[in-house]
């Protein structure tokens, strides 16, 4: 492939070098919103004081300046999360336990809703109405696959019950 030795004439390109003049910097109003002098000196924000239990990765020596406290670990899912944080983030067990804790936490939330007298609208929470509006074909396929799997499991359990009854007689 042959390359040309002639220089590119940038004056013919619209917008080329628009930010070359610091007095005409189009990003300046955006950068100046914080009042930062852009000297490169950074002062760490004041440390937020935790009022709930926080789980911290073994890789990090200190907490970030601010953090979320909306969902502190509790119940069985919290116990699973505490175990997960004994391992490094590079260990697959750490992540598998955290994913398992998320599933357990979902069930705990359902139980908590039911004990408060609130019946959750599971299809809506799973996005069924939105999927029906925007992806009817995909939803029908998912329902068909779920029905086929459910029917197969039901048939297998019925066959297993018949076999155990025949053996006991």
N, C-alpha and C. Protein backbone atom coordinates (compact mmCIF):
# COMPACT_ATOMS: atom_id res chain seq x y z
N UNK A 1 0.85 -1.18 0.00
CA UNK A 1 0.00 0.00 0.00
C UNK A 1 0.89 1.23 0.00
N UNK A 2 0.61 2.15 -0.87
CA UNK A 2 1.45 3.34 -1.03
C UNK A 2 0.84 4.50 -0.24
N UNK A 3 1.67 5.21 0.53
CA UNK A 3 1.18 6.35 1.28
C UNK A 3 1.72 7.62 0.64
N UNK A 4 0.95 8.67 0.73
CA UNK A 4 1.34 9.95 0.14
C UNK A 4 2.24 10.70 1.12
N UNK A 5 3.26 11.34 0.61
CA UNK A 5 4.19 12.10 1.43
C UNK A 5 3.70 13.52 1.66
N UNK A 6 2.63 13.92 0.97
CA UNK A 6 2.13 15.28 1.13
C UNK A 6 1.36 15.40 2.44
N UNK A 7 1.47 16.54 3.10
CA UNK A 7 0.78 16.79 4.36
C UNK A 7 -0.70 17.07 4.10
N UNK A 8 -1.50 16.73 5.04
CA UNK A 8 -2.93 16.97 4.96
C UNK A 8 -3.21 18.44 5.25
N UNK A 9 -4.00 19.08 4.40
CA UNK A 9 -4.35 20.47 4.61
C UNK A 9 -5.53 20.53 5.58
N UNK A 10 -5.22 20.79 6.88
CA UNK A 10 -6.26 20.78 7.91
C UNK A 10 -7.16 22.00 7.86
N UNK A 11 -6.76 23.03 7.18
CA UNK A 11 -7.60 24.23 7.11
C UNK A 11 -8.88 23.96 6.32
N UNK A 12 -8.87 22.91 5.50
CA UNK A 12 -10.07 22.60 4.71
C UNK A 12 -11.06 21.71 5.47
N UNK A 13 -10.67 21.27 6.66
CA UNK A 13 -11.55 20.39 7.44
C UNK A 13 -12.31 21.24 8.45
N UNK A 14 -13.64 21.22 8.32
CA UNK A 14 -14.48 22.02 9.20
C UNK A 14 -14.35 21.51 10.64
N UNK A 15 -14.07 22.42 11.56
CA UNK A 15 -13.97 22.08 12.97
C UNK A 15 -12.61 21.63 13.41
N UNK A 16 -11.66 21.49 12.51
CA UNK A 16 -10.32 21.03 12.88
C UNK A 16 -9.65 22.07 13.76
N UNK A 17 -9.13 21.65 14.87
CA UNK A 17 -8.41 22.54 15.77
C UNK A 17 -9.29 23.50 16.54
N UNK A 18 -10.57 23.19 16.67
CA UNK A 18 -11.49 24.08 17.35
C UNK A 18 -11.08 24.31 18.81
N UNK A 19 -10.38 23.34 19.39
CA UNK A 19 -9.99 23.47 20.79
C UNK A 19 -8.52 23.89 20.96
N UNK A 20 -7.89 24.30 19.87
CA UNK A 20 -6.47 24.67 19.94
C UNK A 20 -6.25 25.96 20.70
N UNK A 21 -7.18 26.88 20.63
CA UNK A 21 -7.06 28.15 21.32
C UNK A 21 -7.69 28.03 22.71
N UNK A 22 -6.91 28.07 23.79
CA UNK A 22 -7.49 27.91 25.13
C UNK A 22 -8.46 29.03 25.48
N UNK A 23 -8.37 30.19 24.82
CA UNK A 23 -9.30 31.28 25.08
C UNK A 23 -10.66 31.01 24.42
N UNK A 24 -10.71 30.06 23.49
CA UNK A 24 -11.94 29.73 22.79
C UNK A 24 -12.21 28.23 22.96
N UNK A 25 -12.18 27.76 24.18
CA UNK A 25 -12.35 26.34 24.46
C UNK A 25 -13.84 26.04 24.66
N UNK A 26 -14.46 25.28 23.76
CA UNK A 26 -15.90 25.03 23.88
C UNK A 26 -16.28 24.22 25.12
N UNK A 27 -15.32 23.52 25.72
CA UNK A 27 -15.65 22.74 26.92
C UNK A 27 -15.46 23.54 28.19
N UNK A 28 -14.96 24.76 28.09
CA UNK A 28 -14.64 25.52 29.30
C UNK A 28 -15.86 25.75 30.20
N UNK A 29 -17.00 26.18 29.67
CA UNK A 29 -18.14 26.39 30.57
C UNK A 29 -18.51 25.11 31.34
N UNK A 30 -18.39 23.97 30.70
CA UNK A 30 -18.71 22.71 31.37
C UNK A 30 -17.68 22.43 32.45
N UNK A 31 -16.40 22.59 32.13
CA UNK A 31 -15.35 22.31 33.10
C UNK A 31 -15.42 23.26 34.28
N UNK A 32 -15.86 24.48 34.07
CA UNK A 32 -15.84 25.49 35.11
C UNK A 32 -17.02 25.37 36.08
N UNK A 33 -17.95 24.45 35.82
CA UNK A 33 -19.12 24.34 36.68
C UNK A 33 -18.74 24.04 38.13
N UNK A 34 -17.68 23.26 38.33
CA UNK A 34 -17.31 22.85 39.68
C UNK A 34 -16.52 23.92 40.42
N UNK A 35 -16.02 24.92 39.72
CA UNK A 35 -15.19 25.93 40.35
C UNK A 35 -13.77 25.43 40.59
N UNK A 36 -13.44 24.24 40.07
CA UNK A 36 -12.10 23.67 40.24
C UNK A 36 -11.11 24.48 39.41
N UNK A 37 -9.93 24.69 39.96
CA UNK A 37 -8.91 25.44 39.22
C UNK A 37 -8.11 24.54 38.28
N UNK A 38 -8.39 23.25 38.26
CA UNK A 38 -7.74 22.28 37.37
C UNK A 38 -6.23 22.27 37.55
N UNK A 39 -5.79 22.46 38.78
CA UNK A 39 -4.35 22.46 39.06
C UNK A 39 -3.79 21.05 39.18
N UNK A 40 -4.68 20.07 39.28
CA UNK A 40 -4.23 18.69 39.45
C UNK A 40 -4.21 18.28 40.92
N UNK A 41 -4.42 19.23 41.81
CA UNK A 41 -4.47 18.92 43.24
C UNK A 41 -5.88 18.44 43.57
N UNK A 42 -5.96 17.28 44.22
CA UNK A 42 -7.26 16.73 44.55
C UNK A 42 -7.33 16.52 46.05
N UNK A 43 -8.39 16.99 46.64
CA UNK A 43 -8.59 16.82 48.07
C UNK A 43 -9.68 15.77 48.26
N UNK A 44 -9.34 14.74 49.01
CA UNK A 44 -10.31 13.67 49.25
C UNK A 44 -11.52 14.21 49.99
N UNK A 45 -12.73 13.86 49.52
CA UNK A 45 -13.94 14.31 50.23
C UNK A 45 -13.97 13.75 51.65
N UNK A 46 -14.75 14.36 52.50
CA UNK A 46 -14.89 13.90 53.87
C UNK A 46 -15.42 12.47 53.88
N UNK A 47 -14.89 11.65 54.75
CA UNK A 47 -15.29 10.24 54.83
C UNK A 47 -16.70 10.12 55.39
N UNK A 48 -17.57 9.45 54.68
CA UNK A 48 -18.91 9.16 55.16
C UNK A 48 -18.79 8.14 56.29
N UNK A 49 -19.51 8.36 57.37
CA UNK A 49 -19.46 7.43 58.49
C UNK A 49 -20.56 6.37 58.32
N UNK A 50 -20.19 5.10 58.33
CA UNK A 50 -21.21 4.06 58.15
C UNK A 50 -22.10 3.93 59.38
N UNK A 51 -23.39 3.76 59.13
CA UNK A 51 -24.32 3.49 60.22
C UNK A 51 -24.95 2.11 60.08
N UNK A 52 -24.49 1.36 59.07
CA UNK A 52 -24.92 -0.03 58.87
C UNK A 52 -23.67 -0.86 58.59
N UNK A 53 -23.83 -2.17 58.63
CA UNK A 53 -22.69 -3.05 58.33
C UNK A 53 -22.32 -2.92 56.85
N UNK A 54 -21.04 -2.78 56.59
CA UNK A 54 -20.55 -2.72 55.22
C UNK A 54 -19.63 -3.90 54.97
N UNK A 55 -19.76 -4.51 53.82
CA UNK A 55 -18.86 -5.60 53.43
C UNK A 55 -17.83 -5.01 52.50
N UNK A 56 -16.56 -5.30 52.77
CA UNK A 56 -15.48 -4.68 52.02
C UNK A 56 -14.58 -5.75 51.43
N UNK A 57 -14.20 -5.55 50.19
CA UNK A 57 -13.32 -6.47 49.49
C UNK A 57 -11.97 -6.56 50.20
N UNK A 58 -11.37 -7.73 50.17
CA UNK A 58 -10.06 -7.90 50.79
C UNK A 58 -8.97 -7.15 50.01
N UNK A 59 -9.26 -6.74 48.78
CA UNK A 59 -8.29 -6.00 47.98
C UNK A 59 -8.15 -4.54 48.40
N UNK A 60 -9.15 -4.02 49.06
CA UNK A 60 -9.17 -2.59 49.38
C UNK A 60 -8.90 -2.36 50.86
N UNK A 61 -7.99 -1.44 51.15
CA UNK A 61 -7.61 -1.19 52.53
C UNK A 61 -8.53 -0.19 53.22
N UNK A 62 -9.17 0.70 52.45
CA UNK A 62 -10.05 1.68 53.08
C UNK A 62 -11.35 1.79 52.29
N UNK A 63 -12.35 2.30 52.95
CA UNK A 63 -13.65 2.50 52.31
C UNK A 63 -13.58 3.68 51.35
N UNK A 64 -14.42 3.69 50.33
CA UNK A 64 -14.50 4.89 49.50
C UNK A 64 -15.08 6.03 50.33
N UNK A 65 -14.94 7.25 49.86
CA UNK A 65 -15.42 8.41 50.62
C UNK A 65 -16.92 8.34 50.85
N UNK A 66 -17.67 7.90 49.85
CA UNK A 66 -19.12 7.76 49.99
C UNK A 66 -19.52 6.38 49.49
N UNK A 67 -20.60 5.86 50.02
CA UNK A 67 -21.05 4.51 49.66
C UNK A 67 -22.54 4.41 49.93
N UNK A 68 -23.17 3.43 49.32
CA UNK A 68 -24.61 3.21 49.51
C UNK A 68 -24.88 2.39 50.76
N UNK A 69 -25.96 2.73 51.44
CA UNK A 69 -26.33 2.00 52.64
C UNK A 69 -27.78 1.54 52.58
N UNK A 70 -28.37 1.52 51.40
CA UNK A 70 -29.79 1.20 51.27
C UNK A 70 -30.10 -0.26 51.56
N UNK A 71 -29.18 -1.15 51.27
CA UNK A 71 -29.43 -2.58 51.45
C UNK A 71 -28.32 -3.24 52.26
N UNK A 72 -28.31 -3.04 53.56
CA UNK A 72 -27.28 -3.70 54.35
C UNK A 72 -27.51 -5.21 54.36
N UNK A 73 -26.45 -6.00 54.53
CA UNK A 73 -26.62 -7.45 54.54
C UNK A 73 -27.43 -7.91 55.75
N UNK A 74 -28.39 -8.79 55.53
CA UNK A 74 -29.18 -9.33 56.62
C UNK A 74 -29.76 -10.68 56.23
N UNK A 75 -30.24 -11.40 57.20
CA UNK A 75 -30.83 -12.72 57.05
C UNK A 75 -29.83 -13.69 56.43
N UNK A 76 -30.35 -14.71 55.76
CA UNK A 76 -29.50 -15.74 55.16
C UNK A 76 -28.63 -15.18 54.04
N UNK A 77 -29.20 -14.28 53.22
CA UNK A 77 -28.41 -13.71 52.12
C UNK A 77 -27.23 -12.91 52.67
N UNK A 78 -27.41 -12.24 53.79
CA UNK A 78 -26.31 -11.51 54.41
C UNK A 78 -25.22 -12.44 54.90
N UNK A 79 -25.62 -13.60 55.43
CA UNK A 79 -24.63 -14.57 55.88
C UNK A 79 -23.81 -15.07 54.69
N UNK A 80 -24.49 -15.32 53.58
CA UNK A 80 -23.80 -15.79 52.37
C UNK A 80 -22.84 -14.72 51.87
N UNK A 81 -23.28 -13.46 51.88
CA UNK A 81 -22.41 -12.36 51.43
C UNK A 81 -21.18 -12.22 52.32
N UNK A 82 -21.36 -12.39 53.64
CA UNK A 82 -20.20 -12.30 54.55
C UNK A 82 -19.17 -13.37 54.22
N UNK A 83 -19.64 -14.57 53.90
CA UNK A 83 -18.73 -15.64 53.51
C UNK A 83 -18.03 -15.28 52.20
N UNK A 84 -18.78 -14.73 51.25
CA UNK A 84 -18.21 -14.38 49.94
C UNK A 84 -17.08 -13.36 50.08
N UNK A 85 -17.22 -12.43 51.00
CA UNK A 85 -16.21 -11.38 51.14
C UNK A 85 -14.97 -11.84 51.89
N UNK A 86 -14.90 -13.10 52.24
CA UNK A 86 -13.66 -13.65 52.79
C UNK A 86 -12.65 -13.93 51.68
N UNK A 87 -13.16 -14.05 50.44
CA UNK A 87 -12.31 -14.36 49.30
C UNK A 87 -12.05 -13.12 48.46
N UNK A 88 -11.00 -13.19 47.69
CA UNK A 88 -10.62 -12.13 46.78
C UNK A 88 -11.63 -12.03 45.64
N UNK A 89 -11.69 -10.86 45.03
CA UNK A 89 -12.56 -10.68 43.88
C UNK A 89 -12.09 -11.49 42.68
N UNK A 90 -10.87 -11.98 42.71
CA UNK A 90 -10.37 -12.79 41.61
C UNK A 90 -10.76 -14.25 41.76
N UNK A 91 -11.39 -14.60 42.85
CA UNK A 91 -11.80 -15.98 43.11
C UNK A 91 -13.25 -16.16 42.66
N UNK A 92 -13.48 -17.19 41.86
CA UNK A 92 -14.83 -17.40 41.33
C UNK A 92 -15.83 -17.67 42.44
N UNK A 93 -15.41 -18.25 43.56
CA UNK A 93 -16.33 -18.54 44.66
C UNK A 93 -16.92 -17.24 45.22
N UNK A 94 -16.14 -16.18 45.24
CA UNK A 94 -16.62 -14.87 45.69
C UNK A 94 -17.86 -14.47 44.89
N UNK A 95 -17.74 -14.53 43.57
CA UNK A 95 -18.82 -14.08 42.70
C UNK A 95 -19.99 -15.05 42.68
N UNK A 96 -19.71 -16.34 42.72
CA UNK A 96 -20.80 -17.32 42.73
C UNK A 96 -21.63 -17.18 44.01
N UNK A 97 -20.96 -16.98 45.13
CA UNK A 97 -21.70 -16.79 46.39
C UNK A 97 -22.51 -15.50 46.35
N UNK A 98 -21.95 -14.44 45.79
CA UNK A 98 -22.71 -13.19 45.70
C UNK A 98 -23.93 -13.34 44.80
N UNK A 99 -23.79 -14.06 43.69
CA UNK A 99 -24.96 -14.28 42.82
C UNK A 99 -26.00 -15.14 43.53
N UNK A 100 -25.54 -16.15 44.26
CA UNK A 100 -26.47 -16.98 45.04
C UNK A 100 -27.17 -16.15 46.11
N UNK A 101 -26.42 -15.26 46.76
CA UNK A 101 -27.02 -14.41 47.79
C UNK A 101 -28.08 -13.49 47.19
N UNK A 102 -27.87 -13.04 45.95
CA UNK A 102 -28.89 -12.22 45.29
C UNK A 102 -30.18 -12.99 45.10
N UNK A 103 -30.06 -14.27 44.71
CA UNK A 103 -31.27 -15.10 44.51
C UNK A 103 -31.97 -15.34 45.84
N UNK A 104 -31.19 -15.63 46.87
CA UNK A 104 -31.77 -15.85 48.20
C UNK A 104 -32.44 -14.57 48.69
N UNK A 105 -31.81 -13.43 48.44
CA UNK A 105 -32.36 -12.14 48.85
C UNK A 105 -33.70 -11.87 48.16
N UNK A 106 -33.84 -12.31 46.91
CA UNK A 106 -35.10 -12.14 46.20
C UNK A 106 -36.21 -12.91 46.90
N UNK A 107 -35.92 -14.16 47.29
CA UNK A 107 -36.92 -14.97 47.99
C UNK A 107 -37.24 -14.34 49.34
N UNK A 108 -36.21 -13.86 50.04
CA UNK A 108 -36.44 -13.19 51.33
C UNK A 108 -37.35 -11.98 51.15
N UNK A 109 -37.16 -11.24 50.07
CA UNK A 109 -38.02 -10.09 49.80
C UNK A 109 -39.46 -10.49 49.55
N UNK A 110 -39.66 -11.60 48.83
CA UNK A 110 -41.02 -12.09 48.60
C UNK A 110 -41.68 -12.49 49.91
N UNK A 111 -40.94 -13.20 50.75
CA UNK A 111 -41.48 -13.62 52.05
C UNK A 111 -41.81 -12.40 52.90
N UNK A 112 -40.92 -11.42 52.89
CA UNK A 112 -41.15 -10.20 53.66
C UNK A 112 -42.39 -9.46 53.16
N UNK A 113 -42.57 -9.39 51.83
CA UNK A 113 -43.78 -8.77 51.28
C UNK A 113 -45.03 -9.51 51.75
N UNK A 114 -45.00 -10.84 51.68
CA UNK A 114 -46.17 -11.63 52.07
C UNK A 114 -46.48 -11.47 53.55
N UNK A 115 -45.45 -11.38 54.41
CA UNK A 115 -45.71 -11.20 55.85
C UNK A 115 -46.30 -9.84 56.14
N UNK A 116 -46.07 -8.88 55.29
CA UNK A 116 -46.64 -7.53 55.46
C UNK A 116 -48.01 -7.41 54.78
N UNK A 117 -48.47 -8.51 54.19
CA UNK A 117 -49.78 -8.50 53.55
C UNK A 117 -49.77 -7.96 52.14
N UNK A 118 -48.62 -7.82 51.54
CA UNK A 118 -48.52 -7.31 50.17
C UNK A 118 -48.24 -8.48 49.24
N UNK A 119 -49.13 -8.68 48.30
CA UNK A 119 -48.92 -9.75 47.32
C UNK A 119 -48.17 -9.15 46.13
N UNK A 120 -46.95 -9.62 45.86
CA UNK A 120 -46.18 -9.04 44.76
C UNK A 120 -46.78 -9.39 43.40
N UNK A 121 -46.67 -8.46 42.48
CA UNK A 121 -47.13 -8.67 41.11
C UNK A 121 -45.93 -9.19 40.31
N UNK A 122 -45.68 -10.49 40.40
CA UNK A 122 -44.47 -11.09 39.84
C UNK A 122 -44.38 -10.90 38.33
N UNK A 123 -45.47 -11.12 37.56
CA UNK A 123 -45.33 -10.88 36.10
C UNK A 123 -44.90 -9.45 35.77
N UNK A 124 -45.46 -8.47 36.47
CA UNK A 124 -45.09 -7.08 36.20
C UNK A 124 -43.64 -6.83 36.59
N UNK A 125 -43.22 -7.39 37.76
CA UNK A 125 -41.84 -7.20 38.19
C UNK A 125 -40.85 -7.89 37.26
N UNK A 126 -41.30 -8.93 36.57
CA UNK A 126 -40.43 -9.62 35.61
C UNK A 126 -40.47 -8.95 34.23
N UNK A 127 -41.30 -7.93 34.06
CA UNK A 127 -41.32 -7.19 32.81
C UNK A 127 -42.21 -7.79 31.74
N UNK A 128 -43.17 -8.64 32.13
CA UNK A 128 -44.03 -9.28 31.13
C UNK A 128 -44.85 -8.25 30.34
N UNK A 129 -45.49 -7.26 31.00
CA UNK A 129 -46.26 -6.29 30.19
C UNK A 129 -45.39 -5.54 29.18
N UNK A 130 -44.19 -5.16 29.57
CA UNK A 130 -43.31 -4.46 28.63
C UNK A 130 -42.89 -5.37 27.50
N UNK A 131 -42.59 -6.62 27.85
CA UNK A 131 -42.19 -7.57 26.79
C UNK A 131 -43.36 -7.80 25.84
N UNK A 132 -44.59 -7.86 26.35
CA UNK A 132 -45.76 -8.06 25.49
C UNK A 132 -45.91 -6.87 24.53
N UNK A 133 -45.65 -5.66 25.04
CA UNK A 133 -45.76 -4.48 24.18
C UNK A 133 -44.67 -4.43 23.11
N UNK A 134 -43.44 -4.82 23.48
CA UNK A 134 -42.31 -4.58 22.59
C UNK A 134 -41.71 -5.82 21.95
N UNK A 135 -42.05 -7.02 22.44
CA UNK A 135 -41.43 -8.24 21.91
C UNK A 135 -42.38 -9.42 22.08
N UNK A 136 -43.54 -9.34 21.43
CA UNK A 136 -44.56 -10.38 21.57
C UNK A 136 -44.04 -11.75 21.16
N UNK A 137 -43.32 -11.81 20.06
CA UNK A 137 -42.81 -13.09 19.58
C UNK A 137 -41.87 -13.72 20.60
N UNK A 138 -40.97 -12.94 21.14
CA UNK A 138 -40.04 -13.44 22.14
C UNK A 138 -40.75 -13.93 23.39
N UNK A 139 -41.76 -13.19 23.83
CA UNK A 139 -42.52 -13.59 25.02
C UNK A 139 -43.26 -14.89 24.77
N UNK A 140 -43.89 -15.03 23.60
CA UNK A 140 -44.60 -16.26 23.28
C UNK A 140 -43.64 -17.45 23.27
N UNK A 141 -42.45 -17.26 22.72
CA UNK A 141 -41.44 -18.33 22.71
C UNK A 141 -41.04 -18.71 24.12
N UNK A 142 -40.81 -17.70 24.98
CA UNK A 142 -40.42 -17.97 26.36
C UNK A 142 -41.51 -18.73 27.10
N UNK A 143 -42.76 -18.32 26.92
CA UNK A 143 -43.88 -18.99 27.58
C UNK A 143 -44.00 -20.43 27.06
N UNK A 144 -43.81 -20.63 25.77
CA UNK A 144 -43.90 -21.97 25.20
C UNK A 144 -42.79 -22.87 25.75
N UNK A 145 -41.59 -22.37 25.82
CA UNK A 145 -40.48 -23.16 26.36
C UNK A 145 -40.72 -23.48 27.83
N UNK A 146 -41.17 -22.48 28.61
CA UNK A 146 -41.44 -22.70 30.03
C UNK A 146 -42.56 -23.73 30.20
N UNK A 147 -43.60 -23.65 29.37
CA UNK A 147 -44.70 -24.61 29.45
C UNK A 147 -44.22 -26.01 29.09
N UNK A 148 -43.38 -26.13 28.07
CA UNK A 148 -42.86 -27.44 27.67
C UNK A 148 -41.99 -28.04 28.78
N UNK A 149 -41.14 -27.23 29.36
CA UNK A 149 -40.28 -27.72 30.46
C UNK A 149 -41.14 -28.10 31.67
N UNK A 150 -42.10 -27.23 32.00
CA UNK A 150 -43.00 -27.53 33.12
C UNK A 150 -43.80 -28.80 32.88
N UNK A 151 -44.32 -28.96 31.67
CA UNK A 151 -45.07 -30.17 31.33
C UNK A 151 -44.21 -31.42 31.40
N UNK A 152 -42.98 -31.31 30.92
CA UNK A 152 -42.06 -32.46 30.97
C UNK A 152 -41.73 -32.82 32.41
N UNK A 153 -41.47 -31.83 33.25
CA UNK A 153 -41.18 -32.10 34.65
C UNK A 153 -42.39 -32.70 35.36
N UNK A 154 -43.58 -32.21 35.05
CA UNK A 154 -44.80 -32.77 35.63
C UNK A 154 -44.98 -34.22 35.21
N UNK A 155 -44.78 -34.49 33.91
CA UNK A 155 -44.92 -35.86 33.41
C UNK A 155 -43.88 -36.79 34.06
N UNK A 156 -42.67 -36.32 34.21
CA UNK A 156 -41.63 -37.13 34.86
C UNK A 156 -41.97 -37.40 36.32
N UNK A 157 -42.49 -36.40 37.01
CA UNK A 157 -42.83 -36.62 38.42
C UNK A 157 -44.00 -37.59 38.54
N UNK A 158 -44.96 -37.51 37.63
CA UNK A 158 -46.10 -38.45 37.66
C UNK A 158 -45.63 -39.87 37.37
N UNK A 159 -44.71 -39.99 36.40
CA UNK A 159 -44.18 -41.32 36.07
C UNK A 159 -43.39 -41.86 37.25
N UNK A 160 -42.64 -41.01 37.92
CA UNK A 160 -41.87 -41.42 39.10
C UNK A 160 -42.78 -41.86 40.23
N UNK A 161 -43.91 -41.17 40.40
CA UNK A 161 -44.87 -41.54 41.45
C UNK A 161 -45.51 -42.89 41.14
N UNK A 162 -45.84 -43.13 39.86
CA UNK A 162 -46.43 -44.41 39.48
C UNK A 162 -45.45 -45.56 39.71
N UNK A 163 -44.19 -45.31 39.34
CA UNK A 163 -43.16 -46.35 39.53
C UNK A 163 -42.97 -46.68 41.01
N UNK A 164 -42.96 -45.68 41.86
CA UNK A 164 -42.76 -45.93 43.29
C UNK A 164 -43.97 -46.62 43.88
N UNK A 165 -45.19 -46.32 43.39
CA UNK A 165 -46.40 -47.00 43.88
C UNK A 165 -46.39 -48.46 43.46
N UNK A 166 -45.98 -48.73 42.21
CA UNK A 166 -45.94 -50.10 41.71
C UNK A 166 -44.92 -50.93 42.49
N UNK A 167 -43.78 -50.33 42.85
CA UNK A 167 -42.76 -51.04 43.61
C UNK A 167 -43.23 -51.33 45.04
N UNK A 168 -44.02 -50.41 45.61
CA UNK A 168 -44.45 -50.60 46.98
C UNK A 168 -45.59 -51.60 47.09
N UNK A 169 -46.28 -51.87 45.98
CA UNK A 169 -47.43 -52.81 46.03
C UNK A 169 -47.01 -54.21 45.81
